[in-house]
Amino acid sequence: MMEEQSGAGGGGSTHWWWVAGSAAQFMWGVRSYRRGYAGDSRLMPVKAFGVASLFVCAFATASVGFLHASGIHKVEDAVEAGANLRTSLGIPSRTPKKEG
């Protein structure tokens, strides 16, 4: 049985908030993109940057939500997950063996 971990995020189920935030940002970006541009032409680059940043932030929040849902909370967890993946695929380790 997997226990929920409480930490800086406030609990083990915080990944749902990250997923909801990502979905909201993505939908807002699509809505803004479809609506197009209206207004002063001098502000067009600012508005285009705003729409692009919605898509970038949606990807970032989705990534954080995925990491939280996967149980990866530290860099060491990510390194261990990568090592386990390489082992299960039969790929030799990239880290040199320590001599001693």
PDB file of N, CA and C in Angstrom:
ATOM      1  N   MET A   1       0.844  -1.180   0.000  1.00  0.00           N
ATOM      2  CA  MET A   1       0.000   0.000   0.000  1.00  0.00           C
ATOM      3  C   MET A   1       0.887   1.240   0.000  1.00  0.00           C
ATOM      4  N   MET A   2       0.567   2.164  -0.876  1.00  0.00           N
ATOM      5  CA  MET A   2       1.372   3.368  -1.007  1.00  0.00           C
ATOM      6  C   MET A   2       0.766   4.475  -0.151  1.00  0.00           C
ATOM      7  N   GLU A   3       1.569   5.013   0.748  1.00  0.00           N
ATOM      8  CA  GLU A   3       1.079   6.076   1.606  1.00  0.00           C
ATOM      9  C   GLU A   3       1.259   7.419   0.931  1.00  0.00           C
ATOM     10  N   GLU A   4       0.341   8.329   1.222  1.00  0.00           N
ATOM     11  CA  GLU A   4       0.471   9.677   0.685  1.00  0.00           C
ATOM     12  C   GLU A   4       1.556  10.410   1.461  1.00  0.00           C
ATOM     13  N   GLN A   5       2.383  11.123   0.741  1.00  0.00           N
ATOM     14  CA  GLN A   5       3.462  11.859   1.370  1.00  0.00           C
ATOM     15  C   GLN A   5       3.054  13.309   1.499  1.00  0.00           C
ATOM     16  N   SER A   6       3.270  13.856   2.669  1.00  0.00           N
ATOM     17  CA  SER A   6       3.015  15.285   2.823  1.00  0.00           C
ATOM     18  C   SER A   6       4.343  15.996   2.749  1.00  0.00           C
ATOM     19  N   GLY A   7       4.349  17.104   2.068  1.00  0.00           N
ATOM     20  CA  GLY A   7       5.588  17.845   1.902  1.00  0.00           C
ATOM     21  C   GLY A   7       5.275  19.278   1.546  1.00  0.00           C
ATOM     22  N   ALA A   8       6.127  19.865   0.748  1.00  0.00           N
ATOM     23  CA  ALA A   8       5.955  21.262   0.353  1.00  0.00           C
ATOM     24  C   ALA A   8       4.702  21.453  -0.482  1.00  0.00           C
ATOM     25  N   GLY A   9       4.277  20.403  -1.192  1.00  0.00           N
ATOM     26  CA  GLY A   9       3.094  20.497  -2.039  1.00  0.00           C
ATOM     27  C   GLY A   9       1.807  20.418  -1.263  1.00  0.00           C
ATOM     28  N   GLY A  10       1.838  19.979  -0.020  1.00  0.00           N
ATOM     29  CA  GLY A  10       0.651  19.939   0.792  1.00  0.00           C
ATOM     30  C   GLY A  10      -0.004  18.575   0.861  1.00  0.00           C
ATOM     31  N   GLY A  11       0.539  17.583   0.175  1.00  0.00           N
ATOM     32  CA  GLY A  11      -0.041  16.251   0.263  1.00  0.00           C
ATOM     33  C   GLY A  11       0.297  15.419  -0.951  1.00  0.00           C
ATOM     34  N   GLY A  12      -0.095  14.162  -0.883  1.00  0.00           N
ATOM     35  CA  GLY A  12       0.210  13.250  -1.967  1.00  0.00           C
ATOM     36  C   GLY A  12      -0.690  13.405  -3.164  1.00  0.00           C
ATOM     37  N   SER A  13      -1.828  14.038  -2.997  1.00  0.00           N
ATOM     38  CA  SER A  13      -2.771  14.162  -4.114  1.00  0.00           C
ATOM     39  C   SER A  13      -2.715  15.536  -4.774  1.00  0.00           C
ATOM     40  N   THR A  14      -1.632  16.257  -4.588  1.00  0.00           N
ATOM     41  CA  THR A  14      -1.530  17.594  -5.176  1.00  0.00           C
ATOM     42  C   THR A  14      -1.327  17.557  -6.678  1.00  0.00           C
ATOM     43  N   HIS A  15      -0.967  16.383  -7.220  1.00  0.00           N
ATOM     44  CA  HIS A  15      -0.755  16.331  -8.666  1.00  0.00           C
ATOM     45  C   HIS A  15      -2.034  16.638  -9.426  1.00  0.00           C
ATOM     46  N   TRP A  16      -3.189  16.407  -8.837  1.00  0.00           N
ATOM     47  CA  TRP A  16      -4.452  16.731  -9.515  1.00  0.00           C
ATOM     48  C   TRP A  16      -4.592  18.236  -9.697  1.00  0.00           C
ATOM     49  N   TRP A  17      -4.076  19.020  -8.760  1.00  0.00           N
ATOM     50  CA  TRP A  17      -4.117  20.482  -8.921  1.00  0.00           C
ATOM     51  C   TRP A  17      -3.216  20.912 -10.071  1.00  0.00           C
ATOM     52  N   TRP A  18      -2.067  20.251 -10.213  1.00  0.00           N
ATOM     53  CA  TRP A  18      -1.164  20.570 -11.317  1.00  0.00           C
ATOM     54  C   TRP A  18      -1.805  20.213 -12.653  1.00  0.00           C
ATOM     55  N   VAL A  19      -2.498  19.082 -12.699  1.00  0.00           N
ATOM     56  CA  VAL A  19      -3.170  18.667 -13.934  1.00  0.00           C
ATOM     57  C   VAL A  19      -4.286  19.639 -14.282  1.00  0.00           C
ATOM     58  N   ALA A  20      -5.062  20.052 -13.287  1.00  0.00           N
ATOM     59  CA  ALA A  20      -6.147  21.002 -13.535  1.00  0.00           C
ATOM     60  C   ALA A  20      -5.592  22.347 -14.010  1.00  0.00           C
ATOM     61  N   GLY A  21      -4.493  22.795 -13.410  1.00  0.00           N
ATOM     62  CA  GLY A  21      -3.869  24.045 -13.836  1.00  0.00           C
ATOM     63  C   GLY A  21      -3.344  23.963 -15.256  1.00  0.00           C
ATOM     64  N   SER A  22      -2.745  22.838 -15.592  1.00  0.00           N
ATOM     65  CA  SER A  22      -2.229  22.643 -16.942  1.00  0.00           C
ATOM     66  C   SER A  22      -3.357  22.652 -17.967  1.00  0.00           C
ATOM     67  N   ALA A  23      -4.428  21.944 -17.661  1.00  0.00           N
ATOM     68  CA  ALA A  23      -5.563  21.896 -18.589  1.00  0.00           C
ATOM     69  C   ALA A  23      -6.184  23.275 -18.769  1.00  0.00           C
ATOM     70  N   ALA A  24      -6.305  24.025 -17.681  1.00  0.00           N
ATOM     71  CA  ALA A  24      -6.876  25.369 -17.773  1.00  0.00           C
ATOM     72  C   ALA A  24      -5.998  26.283 -18.622  1.00  0.00           C
ATOM     73  N   GLN A  25      -4.682  26.219 -18.429  1.00  0.00           N
ATOM     74  CA  GLN A  25      -3.778  27.051 -19.218  1.00  0.00           C
ATOM     75  C   GLN A  25      -3.821  26.666 -20.686  1.00  0.00           C
ATOM     76  N   PHE A  26      -3.860  25.372 -20.964  1.00  0.00           N
ATOM     77  CA  PHE A  26      -3.898  24.933 -22.346  1.00  0.00           C
ATOM     78  C   PHE A  26      -5.192  25.376 -23.031  1.00  0.00           C
ATOM     79  N   MET A  27      -6.321  25.196 -22.342  1.00  0.00           N
ATOM     80  CA  MET A  27      -7.604  25.615 -22.931  1.00  0.00           C
ATOM     81  C   MET A  27      -7.652  27.125 -23.138  1.00  0.00           C
ATOM     82  N   TRP A  28      -7.096  27.887 -22.196  1.00  0.00           N
ATOM     83  CA  TRP A  28      -7.052  29.342 -22.330  1.00  0.00           C
ATOM     84  C   TRP A  28      -6.179  29.736 -23.519  1.00  0.00           C
ATOM     85  N   GLY A  29      -5.055  29.033 -23.705  1.00  0.00           N
ATOM     86  CA  GLY A  29      -4.186  29.303 -24.845  1.00  0.00           C
ATOM     87  C   GLY A  29      -4.863  28.995 -26.172  1.00  0.00           C
ATOM     88  N   VAL A  30      -5.570  27.865 -26.247  1.00  0.00           N
ATOM     89  CA  VAL A  30      -6.288  27.514 -27.474  1.00  0.00           C
ATOM     90  C   VAL A  30      -7.380  28.531 -27.756  1.00  0.00           C
ATOM     91  N   ARG A  31      -8.097  28.921 -26.722  1.00  0.00           N
ATOM     92  CA  ARG A  31      -9.169  29.922 -26.886  1.00  0.00           C
ATOM     93  C   ARG A  31      -8.607  31.256 -27.379  1.00  0.00           C
ATOM     94  N   SER A  32      -7.501  31.675 -26.804  1.00  0.00           N
ATOM     95  CA  SER A  32      -6.880  32.934 -27.219  1.00  0.00           C
ATOM     96  C   SER A  32      -6.345  32.847 -28.642  1.00  0.00           C
ATOM     97  N   TYR A  33      -5.795  31.702 -29.005  1.00  0.00           N
ATOM     98  CA  TYR A  33      -5.258  31.508 -30.356  1.00  0.00           C
ATOM     99  C   TYR A  33      -6.386  31.535 -31.384  1.00  0.00           C
ATOM    100  N   ARG A  34      -7.483  30.853 -31.089  1.00  0.00           N
ATOM    101  CA  ARG A  34      -8.609  30.808 -32.030  1.00  0.00           C
ATOM    102  C   ARG A  34      -9.300  32.158 -32.163  1.00  0.00           C
ATOM    103  N   ARG A  35      -9.335  32.908 -31.072  1.00  0.00           N
ATOM    104  CA  ARG A  35      -9.984  34.209 -31.107  1.00  0.00           C
ATOM    105  C   ARG A  35      -9.223  35.164 -32.011  1.00  0.00           C
ATOM    106  N   GLY A  36      -7.927  34.958 -32.087  1.00  0.00           N
ATOM    107  CA  GLY A  36      -7.125  35.796 -32.974  1.00  0.00           C
ATOM    108  C   GLY A  36      -6.734  37.109 -32.331  1.00  0.00           C
ATOM    109  N   TYR A  37      -6.297  38.018 -33.162  1.00  0.00           N
ATOM    110  CA  TYR A  37      -5.801  39.293 -32.678  1.00  0.00           C
ATOM    111  C   TYR A  37      -6.791  40.391 -33.013  1.00  0.00           C
ATOM    112  N   ALA A  38      -7.061  41.222 -32.055  1.00  0.00           N
ATOM    113  CA  ALA A  38      -7.893  42.406 -32.270  1.00  0.00           C
ATOM    114  C   ALA A  38      -7.344  43.524 -31.391  1.00  0.00           C
ATOM    115  N   GLY A  39      -7.249  44.693 -31.956  1.00  0.00           N
ATOM    116  CA  GLY A  39      -6.773  45.817 -31.169  1.00  0.00           C
ATOM    117  C   GLY A  39      -5.631  46.549 -31.832  1.00  0.00           C
ATOM    118  N   ASP A  40      -4.898  47.276 -31.035  1.00  0.00           N
ATOM    119  CA  ASP A  40      -3.792  48.098 -31.499  1.00  0.00           C
ATOM    120  C   ASP A  40      -2.660  47.203 -32.020  1.00  0.00           C
ATOM    121  N   SER A  41      -2.162  47.493 -33.207  1.00  0.00           N
ATOM    122  CA  SER A  41      -1.131  46.652 -33.830  1.00  0.00           C
ATOM    123  C   SER A  41       0.196  46.721 -33.079  1.00  0.00           C
ATOM    124  N   ARG A  42       0.423  47.773 -32.308  1.00  0.00           N
ATOM    125  CA  ARG A  42       1.675  47.865 -31.558  1.00  0.00           C
ATOM    126  C   ARG A  42       1.729  46.862 -30.415  1.00  0.00           C
ATOM    127  N   LEU A  43       0.566  46.378 -29.960  1.00  0.00           N
ATOM    128  CA  LEU A  43       0.541  45.416 -28.858  1.00  0.00           C
ATOM    129  C   LEU A  43       0.519  43.962 -29.329  1.00  0.00           C
ATOM    130  N   MET A  44       0.526  43.749 -30.636  1.00  0.00           N
ATOM    131  CA  MET A  44       0.453  42.388 -31.159  1.00  0.00           C
ATOM    132  C   MET A  44       1.590  41.495 -30.665  1.00  0.00           C
ATOM    133  N   PRO A  45       2.855  41.932 -30.639  1.00  0.00           N
ATOM    134  CA  PRO A  45       3.916  41.065 -30.126  1.00  0.00           C
ATOM    135  C   PRO A  45       3.721  40.689 -28.651  1.00  0.00           C
ATOM    136  N   VAL A  46       3.215  41.615 -27.865  1.00  0.00           N
ATOM    137  CA  VAL A  46       2.986  41.331 -26.448  1.00  0.00           C
ATOM    138  C   VAL A  46       1.896  40.284 -26.293  1.00  0.00           C
ATOM    139  N   LYS A  47       0.829  40.430 -27.056  1.00  0.00           N
ATOM    140  CA  LYS A  47      -0.268  39.462 -26.975  1.00  0.00           C
ATOM    141  C   LYS A  47       0.171  38.095 -27.506  1.00  0.00           C
ATOM    142  N   ALA A  48       0.976  38.065 -28.562  1.00  0.00           N
ATOM    143  CA  ALA A  48       1.479  36.795 -29.095  1.00  0.00           C
ATOM    144  C   ALA A  48       2.386  36.107 -28.074  1.00  0.00           C
ATOM    145  N   PHE A  49       3.222  36.883 -27.393  1.00  0.00           N
ATOM    146  CA  PHE A  49       4.073  36.324 -26.341  1.00  0.00           C
ATOM    147  C   PHE A  49       3.225  35.761 -25.215  1.00  0.00           C
ATOM    148  N   GLY A  50       2.145  36.434 -24.865  1.00  0.00           N
ATOM    149  CA  GLY A  50       1.253  35.951 -23.811  1.00  0.00           C
ATOM    150  C   GLY A  50       0.611  34.623 -24.162  1.00  0.00           C
ATOM    151  N   VAL A  51       0.161  34.486 -25.407  1.00  0.00           N
ATOM    152  CA  VAL A  51      -0.454  33.226 -25.835  1.00  0.00           C
ATOM    153  C   VAL A  51       0.594  32.114 -25.862  1.00  0.00           C
ATOM    154  N   ALA A  52       1.782  32.407 -26.362  1.00  0.00           N
ATOM    155  CA  ALA A  52       2.847  31.398 -26.403  1.00  0.00           C
ATOM    156  C   ALA A  52       3.247  30.972 -24.994  1.00  0.00           C
ATOM    157  N   SER A  53       3.300  31.917 -24.071  1.00  0.00           N
ATOM    158  CA  SER A  53       3.682  31.555 -22.703  1.00  0.00           C
ATOM    159  C   SER A  53       2.610  30.699 -22.034  1.00  0.00           C
ATOM    160  N   LEU A  54       1.350  30.832 -22.441  1.00  0.00           N
ATOM    161  CA  LEU A  54       0.318  29.949 -21.905  1.00  0.00           C
ATOM    162  C   LEU A  54       0.593  28.498 -22.297  1.00  0.00           C
ATOM    163  N   PHE A  55       0.998  28.280 -23.547  1.00  0.00           N
ATOM    164  CA  PHE A  55       1.304  26.921 -23.984  1.00  0.00           C
ATOM    165  C   PHE A  55       2.548  26.377 -23.279  1.00  0.00           C
ATOM    166  N   VAL A  56       3.576  27.192 -23.118  1.00  0.00           N
ATOM    167  CA  VAL A  56       4.801  26.751 -22.449  1.00  0.00           C
ATOM    168  C   VAL A  56       4.516  26.430 -20.985  1.00  0.00           C
ATOM    169  N   CYS A  57       3.752  27.279 -20.315  1.00  0.00           N
ATOM    170  CA  CYS A  57       3.428  27.042 -18.906  1.00  0.00           C
ATOM    171  C   CYS A  57       2.507  25.839 -18.739  1.00  0.00           C
ATOM    172  N   ALA A  58       1.621  25.608 -19.690  1.00  0.00           N
ATOM    173  CA  ALA A  58       0.763  24.420 -19.627  1.00  0.00           C
ATOM    174  C   ALA A  58       1.617  23.157 -19.692  1.00  0.00           C
ATOM    175  N   PHE A  59       2.629  23.156 -20.562  1.00  0.00           N
ATOM    176  CA  PHE A  59       3.536  22.011 -20.642  1.00  0.00           C
ATOM    177  C   PHE A  59       4.315  21.843 -19.338  1.00  0.00           C
ATOM    178  N   ALA A  60       4.760  22.948 -18.765  1.00  0.00           N
ATOM    179  CA  ALA A  60       5.544  22.880 -17.524  1.00  0.00           C
ATOM    180  C   ALA A  60       4.704  22.348 -16.370  1.00  0.00           C
ATOM    181  N   THR A  61       3.482  22.833 -16.225  1.00  0.00           N
ATOM    182  CA  THR A  61       2.639  22.351 -15.131  1.00  0.00           C
ATOM    183  C   THR A  61       2.230  20.895 -15.347  1.00  0.00           C
ATOM    184  N   ALA A  62       2.040  20.488 -16.600  1.00  0.00           N
ATOM    185  CA  ALA A  62       1.738  19.080 -16.872  1.00  0.00           C
ATOM    186  C   ALA A  62       2.929  18.208 -16.495  1.00  0.00           C
ATOM    187  N   SER A  63       4.140  18.686 -16.753  1.00  0.00           N
ATOM    188  CA  SER A  63       5.344  17.926 -16.398  1.00  0.00           C
ATOM    189  C   SER A  63       5.483  17.781 -14.894  1.00  0.00           C
ATOM    190  N   VAL A  64       5.231  18.857 -14.159  1.00  0.00           N
ATOM    191  CA  VAL A  64       5.317  18.795 -12.701  1.00  0.00           C
ATOM    192  C   VAL A  64       4.244  17.862 -12.154  1.00  0.00           C
ATOM    193  N   GLY A  65       3.037  17.931 -12.709  1.00  0.00           N
ATOM    194  CA  GLY A  65       1.975  17.023 -12.283  1.00  0.00           C
ATOM    195  C   GLY A  65       2.333  15.574 -12.538  1.00  0.00           C
ATOM    196  N   PHE A  66       2.945  15.300 -13.694  1.00  0.00           N
ATOM    197  CA  PHE A  66       3.380  13.942 -14.006  1.00  0.00           C
ATOM    198  C   PHE A  66       4.438  13.463 -13.023  1.00  0.00           C
ATOM    199  N   LEU A  67       5.399  14.326 -12.710  1.00  0.00           N
ATOM    200  CA  LEU A  67       6.443  13.943 -11.761  1.00  0.00           C
ATOM    201  C   LEU A  67       5.865  13.675 -10.376  1.00  0.00           C
ATOM    202  N   HIS A  68       4.938  14.522  -9.925  1.00  0.00           N
ATOM    203  CA  HIS A  68       4.310  14.302  -8.622  1.00  0.00           C
ATOM    204  C   HIS A  68       3.513  13.004  -8.611  1.00  0.00           C
ATOM    205  N   ALA A  69       2.773  12.746  -9.680  1.00  0.00           N
ATOM    206  CA  ALA A  69       1.967  11.521  -9.754  1.00  0.00           C
ATOM    207  C   ALA A  69       2.851  10.282  -9.812  1.00  0.00           C
ATOM    208  N   SER A  70       4.036  10.400 -10.402  1.00  0.00           N
ATOM    209  CA  SER A  70       4.955   9.267 -10.509  1.00  0.00           C
ATOM    210  C   SER A  70       5.733   9.021  -9.228  1.00  0.00           C
ATOM    211  N   GLY A  71       5.645   9.943  -8.288  1.00  0.00           N
ATOM    212  CA  GLY A  71       6.373   9.785  -7.030  1.00  0.00           C
ATOM    213  C   GLY A  71       7.787  10.309  -7.090  1.00  0.00           C
ATOM    214  N   ILE A  72       8.111  11.075  -8.112  1.00  0.00           N
ATOM    215  CA  ILE A  72       9.452  11.648  -8.242  1.00  0.00           C
ATOM    216  C   ILE A  72       9.416  13.049  -7.631  1.00  0.00           C
ATOM    217  N   HIS A  73      10.063  13.177  -6.470  1.00  0.00           N
ATOM    218  CA  HIS A  73      10.048  14.446  -5.748  1.00  0.00           C
ATOM    219  C   HIS A  73      11.431  15.067  -5.623  1.00  0.00           C
ATOM    220  N   LYS A  74      12.479  14.274  -5.852  1.00  0.00           N
ATOM    221  CA  LYS A  74      13.848  14.756  -5.734  1.00  0.00           C
ATOM    222  C   LYS A  74      14.631  14.330  -6.962  1.00  0.00           C
ATOM    223  N   VAL A  75      15.789  14.918  -7.147  1.00  0.00           N
ATOM    224  CA  VAL A  75      16.658  14.553  -8.263  1.00  0.00           C
ATOM    225  C   VAL A  75      17.106  13.105  -8.118  1.00  0.00           C
ATOM    226  N   GLU A  76      17.345  12.680  -6.896  1.00  0.00           N
ATOM    227  CA  GLU A  76      17.769  11.300  -6.662  1.00  0.00           C
ATOM    228  C   GLU A  76      16.694  10.317  -7.119  1.00  0.00           C
ATOM    229  N   ASP A  77      15.414  10.673  -6.934  1.00  0.00           N
ATOM    230  CA  ASP A  77      14.318   9.825  -7.395  1.00  0.00           C
ATOM    231  C   ASP A  77      14.329   9.695  -8.915  1.00  0.00           C
ATOM    232  N   ALA A  78      14.614  10.792  -9.610  1.00  0.00           N
ATOM    233  CA  ALA A  78      14.668  10.762 -11.075  1.00  0.00           C
ATOM    234  C   ALA A  78      15.850   9.929 -11.562  1.00  0.00           C
ATOM    235  N   VAL A  79      16.982  10.043 -10.890  1.00  0.00           N
ATOM    236  CA  VAL A  79      18.161   9.256 -11.262  1.00  0.00           C
ATOM    237  C   VAL A  79      17.880   7.770 -11.049  1.00  0.00           C
ATOM    238  N   GLU A  80      17.234   7.436  -9.946  1.00  0.00           N
ATOM    239  CA  GLU A  80      16.901   6.038  -9.668  1.00  0.00           C
ATOM    240  C   GLU A  80      15.902   5.500 -10.693  1.00  0.00           C
ATOM    241  N   ALA A  81      14.912   6.300 -11.065  1.00  0.00           N
ATOM    242  CA  ALA A  81      13.940   5.875 -12.072  1.00  0.00           C
ATOM    243  C   ALA A  81      14.621   5.648 -13.420  1.00  0.00           C
ATOM    244  N   GLY A  82      15.559   6.517 -13.780  1.00  0.00           N
ATOM    245  CA  GLY A  82      16.301   6.347 -15.022  1.00  0.00           C
ATOM    246  C   GLY A  82      17.157   5.097 -15.009  1.00  0.00           C
ATOM    247  N   ALA A  83      17.798   4.819 -13.875  1.00  0.00           N
ATOM    248  CA  ALA A  83      18.624   3.617 -13.753  1.00  0.00           C
ATOM    249  C   ALA A  83      17.753   2.366 -13.852  1.00  0.00           C
ATOM    250  N   ASN A  84      16.594   2.394 -13.231  1.00  0.00           N
ATOM    251  CA  ASN A  84      15.686   1.243 -13.305  1.00  0.00           C
ATOM    252  C   ASN A  84      15.195   1.029 -14.729  1.00  0.00           C
ATOM    253  N   LEU A  85      14.919   2.113 -15.447  1.00  0.00           N
ATOM    254  CA  LEU A  85      14.469   2.006 -16.831  1.00  0.00           C
ATOM    255  C   LEU A  85      15.560   1.428 -17.713  1.00  0.00           C
ATOM    256  N   ARG A  86      16.788   1.908 -17.537  1.00  0.00           N
ATOM    257  CA  ARG A  86      17.910   1.396 -18.328  1.00  0.00           C
ATOM    258  C   ARG A  86      18.136  -0.090 -18.030  1.00  0.00           C
ATOM    259  N   THR A  87      18.023  -0.482 -16.774  1.00  0.00           N
ATOM    260  CA  THR A  87      18.208  -1.883 -16.404  1.00  0.00           C
ATOM    261  C   THR A  87      17.133  -2.760 -17.032  1.00  0.00           C
ATOM    262  N   SER A  88      15.878  -2.291 -16.989  1.00  0.00           N
ATOM    263  CA  SER A  88      14.783  -3.100 -17.540  1.00  0.00           C
ATOM    264  C   SER A  88      14.861  -3.209 -19.061  1.00  0.00           C
ATOM    265  N   LEU A  89      15.494  -2.238 -19.714  1.00  0.00           N
ATOM    266  CA  LEU A  89      15.667  -2.295 -21.166  1.00  0.00           C
ATOM    267  C   LEU A  89      16.922  -3.066 -21.571  1.00  0.00           C
ATOM    268  N   GLY A  90      17.760  -3.418 -20.596  1.00  0.00           N
ATOM    269  CA  GLY A  90      18.982  -4.162 -20.888  1.00  0.00           C
ATOM    270  C   GLY A  90      20.114  -3.291 -21.379  1.00  0.00           C
ATOM    271  N   ILE A  91      20.068  -2.001 -21.110  1.00  0.00           N
ATOM    272  CA  ILE A  91      21.113  -1.065 -21.529  1.00  0.00           C
ATOM    273  C   ILE A  91      22.112  -0.937 -20.384  1.00  0.00           C
ATOM    274  N   PRO A  92      23.411  -1.035 -20.664  1.00  0.00           N
ATOM    275  CA  PRO A  92      24.393  -0.923 -19.585  1.00  0.00           C
ATOM    276  C   PRO A  92      24.384   0.472 -18.960  1.00  0.00           C
ATOM    277  N   SER A  93      24.802   0.515 -17.711  1.00  0.00           N
ATOM    278  CA  SER A  93      24.827   1.764 -16.961  1.00  0.00           C
ATOM    279  C   SER A  93      25.810   2.754 -17.573  1.00  0.00           C
ATOM    280  N   ARG A  94      25.467   4.034 -17.535  1.00  0.00           N
ATOM    281  CA  ARG A  94      26.341   5.081 -18.098  1.00  0.00           C
ATOM    282  C   ARG A  94      27.319   5.601 -17.080  1.00  0.00           C
ATOM    283  N   THR A  95      27.074   5.356 -15.806  1.00  0.00           N
ATOM    284  CA  THR A  95      27.974   5.840 -14.772  1.00  0.00           C
ATOM    285  C   THR A  95      29.153   4.887 -14.626  1.00  0.00           C
ATOM    286  N   PRO A  96      30.349   5.432 -14.509  1.00  0.00           N
ATOM    287  CA  PRO A  96      31.523   4.556 -14.352  1.00  0.00           C
ATOM    288  C   PRO A  96      31.492   3.863 -12.977  1.00  0.00           C
ATOM    289  N   LYS A  97      31.975   2.637 -12.950  1.00  0.00           N
ATOM    290  CA  LYS A  97      32.023   1.900 -11.693  1.00  0.00           C
ATOM    291  C   LYS A  97      33.161   2.450 -10.849  1.00  0.00           C
ATOM    292  N   LYS A  98      32.877   2.594  -9.561  1.00  0.00           N
ATOM    293  CA  LYS A  98      33.897   3.114  -8.649  1.00  0.00           C
ATOM    294  C   LYS A  98      34.885   2.004  -8.309  1.00  0.00           C
ATOM    295  N   GLU A  99      36.147   2.352  -8.409  1.00  0.00           N
ATOM    296  CA  GLU A  99      37.196   1.398  -8.074  1.00  0.00           C
ATOM    297  C   GLU A  99      37.586   1.624  -6.620  1.00  0.00           C
ATOM    298  N   GLY A 100      37.791   0.580  -5.914  1.00  0.00           N
ATOM    299  CA  GLY A 100      38.190   0.811  -4.541  1.00  0.00           C
ATOM    300  C   GLY A 100      38.367  -0.355  -3.753  1.00  0.00           C
TER     301      GLY A 100
END
